[in-house]
Amino acid sequence: MGYQVTVDVDKCIGCEQCVNVCPTGVYEMKDDKSDPVNEDECLGCESCIEVCEGHCITVEER
């Protein structure tokens, strides 16, 4: 079990809120966009979704 984290890079405005709020460091910034490089660390808390200014993140159970 785990979570699939998706960032719609076309909607991402590069606010870095997900990077700052994620308790496990799922996200890093690449080319001024959020990238879920540590997706396996996701706890499914959805804090990133709550703070995302671009409304571009989805977190789904696998």
C-alpha atoms as a PDB file:
ATOM      1  CA  MET A   1       0.000   0.000   0.000  1.00  0.00           C
ATOM      2  CA  GLY A   2       1.088   3.550  -0.646  1.00  0.00           C
ATOM      3  CA  TYR A   3       0.107   6.715  -2.397  1.00  0.00           C
ATOM      4  CA  GLN A   4       0.448   7.975  -5.926  1.00  0.00           C
ATOM      5  CA  VAL A   5       1.322  11.661  -5.940  1.00  0.00           C
ATOM      6  CA  THR A   6       0.737  13.616  -9.136  1.00  0.00           C
ATOM      7  CA  VAL A   7       1.580  17.237  -9.912  1.00  0.00           C
ATOM      8  CA  ASP A   8       0.022  18.844 -12.980  1.00  0.00           C
ATOM      9  CA  VAL A   9       3.030  20.892 -14.076  1.00  0.00           C
ATOM     10  CA  ASP A  10       0.877  22.979 -16.404  1.00  0.00           C
ATOM     11  CA  LYS A  11      -1.045  24.264 -13.362  1.00  0.00           C
ATOM     12  CA  CYS A  12       1.897  24.444 -10.932  1.00  0.00           C
ATOM     13  CA  ILE A  13       2.847  28.062 -10.229  1.00  0.00           C
ATOM     14  CA  GLY A  14       6.025  27.184  -8.321  1.00  0.00           C
ATOM     15  CA  CYS A  15       4.866  28.550  -4.968  1.00  0.00           C
ATOM     16  CA  GLU A  16       6.841  25.845  -3.077  1.00  0.00           C
ATOM     17  CA  GLN A  17       4.102  25.509  -0.451  1.00  0.00           C
ATOM     18  CA  CYS A  18       4.009  21.721  -0.884  1.00  0.00           C
ATOM     19  CA  VAL A  19       7.777  21.536  -0.405  1.00  0.00           C
ATOM     20  CA  ASN A  20       7.527  23.538   2.812  1.00  0.00           C
ATOM     21  CA  VAL A  21       4.514  21.752   4.340  1.00  0.00           C
ATOM     22  CA  CYS A  22       5.277  18.106   3.527  1.00  0.00           C
ATOM     23  CA  PRO A  23       6.387  16.334   6.737  1.00  0.00           C
ATOM     24  CA  THR A  24       8.320  13.642   4.856  1.00  0.00           C
ATOM     25  CA  GLY A  25      10.003  15.632   2.076  1.00  0.00           C
ATOM     26  CA  VAL A  26       8.089  14.166  -0.862  1.00  0.00           C
ATOM     27  CA  TYR A  27       8.568  17.260  -3.037  1.00  0.00           C
ATOM     28  CA  GLU A  28      11.531  19.065  -4.553  1.00  0.00           C
ATOM     29  CA  MET A  29      11.545  21.938  -7.006  1.00  0.00           C
ATOM     30  CA  LYS A  30      12.732  21.188 -10.555  1.00  0.00           C
ATOM     31  CA  ASP A  31      12.672  23.879 -13.230  1.00  0.00           C
ATOM     32  CA  ASP A  32      10.543  26.075 -10.916  1.00  0.00           C
ATOM     33  CA  LYS A  33       7.875  23.347 -10.640  1.00  0.00           C
ATOM     34  CA  SER A  34       7.061  20.898  -7.862  1.00  0.00           C
ATOM     35  CA  ASP A  35       8.244  17.332  -8.415  1.00  0.00           C
ATOM     36  CA  PRO A  36       7.240  14.442  -6.115  1.00  0.00           C
ATOM     37  CA  VAL A  37      10.691  12.825  -6.173  1.00  0.00           C
ATOM     38  CA  ASN A  38      10.161  10.895  -2.919  1.00  0.00           C
ATOM     39  CA  GLU A  39       6.623   9.678  -3.636  1.00  0.00           C
ATOM     40  CA  ASP A  40       7.178   6.469  -1.623  1.00  0.00           C
ATOM     41  CA  GLU A  41       7.504   8.606   1.528  1.00  0.00           C
ATOM     42  CA  CYS A  42       3.967  10.031   1.185  1.00  0.00           C
ATOM     43  CA  LEU A  43       1.765   9.501   4.263  1.00  0.00           C
ATOM     44  CA  GLY A  44      -1.436  10.520   2.507  1.00  0.00           C
ATOM     45  CA  CYS A  45      -2.015  13.435   4.900  1.00  0.00           C
ATOM     46  CA  GLU A  46      -2.949  15.715   1.980  1.00  0.00           C
ATOM     47  CA  SER A  47      -1.358  18.776   3.607  1.00  0.00           C
ATOM     48  CA  CYS A  48       0.143  19.569   0.226  1.00  0.00           C
ATOM     49  CA  ILE A  49      -3.286  19.657  -1.410  1.00  0.00           C
ATOM     50  CA  GLU A  50      -4.580  22.070   1.227  1.00  0.00           C
ATOM     51  CA  VAL A  51      -1.780  24.601   0.686  1.00  0.00           C
ATOM     52  CA  CYS A  52      -1.347  24.268  -3.074  1.00  0.00           C
ATOM     53  CA  GLU A  53      -2.038  27.676  -4.622  1.00  0.00           C
ATOM     54  CA  GLY A  54      -2.206  26.237  -8.150  1.00  0.00           C
ATOM     55  CA  HIS A  55      -4.586  23.390  -7.226  1.00  0.00           C
ATOM     56  CA  CYS A  56      -2.381  20.987  -9.152  1.00  0.00           C
ATOM     57  CA  ILE A  57      -1.691  18.131  -6.716  1.00  0.00           C
ATOM     58  CA  THR A  58      -3.548  14.839  -6.394  1.00  0.00           C
ATOM     59  CA  VAL A  59      -2.843  12.106  -3.871  1.00  0.00           C
ATOM     60  CA  GLU A  60      -4.475   8.727  -4.445  1.00  0.00           C
ATOM     61  CA  GLU A  61      -4.177   5.378  -2.717  1.00  0.00           C
ATOM     62  CA  ARG A  62      -2.483   2.724  -4.837  1.00  0.00           C
END
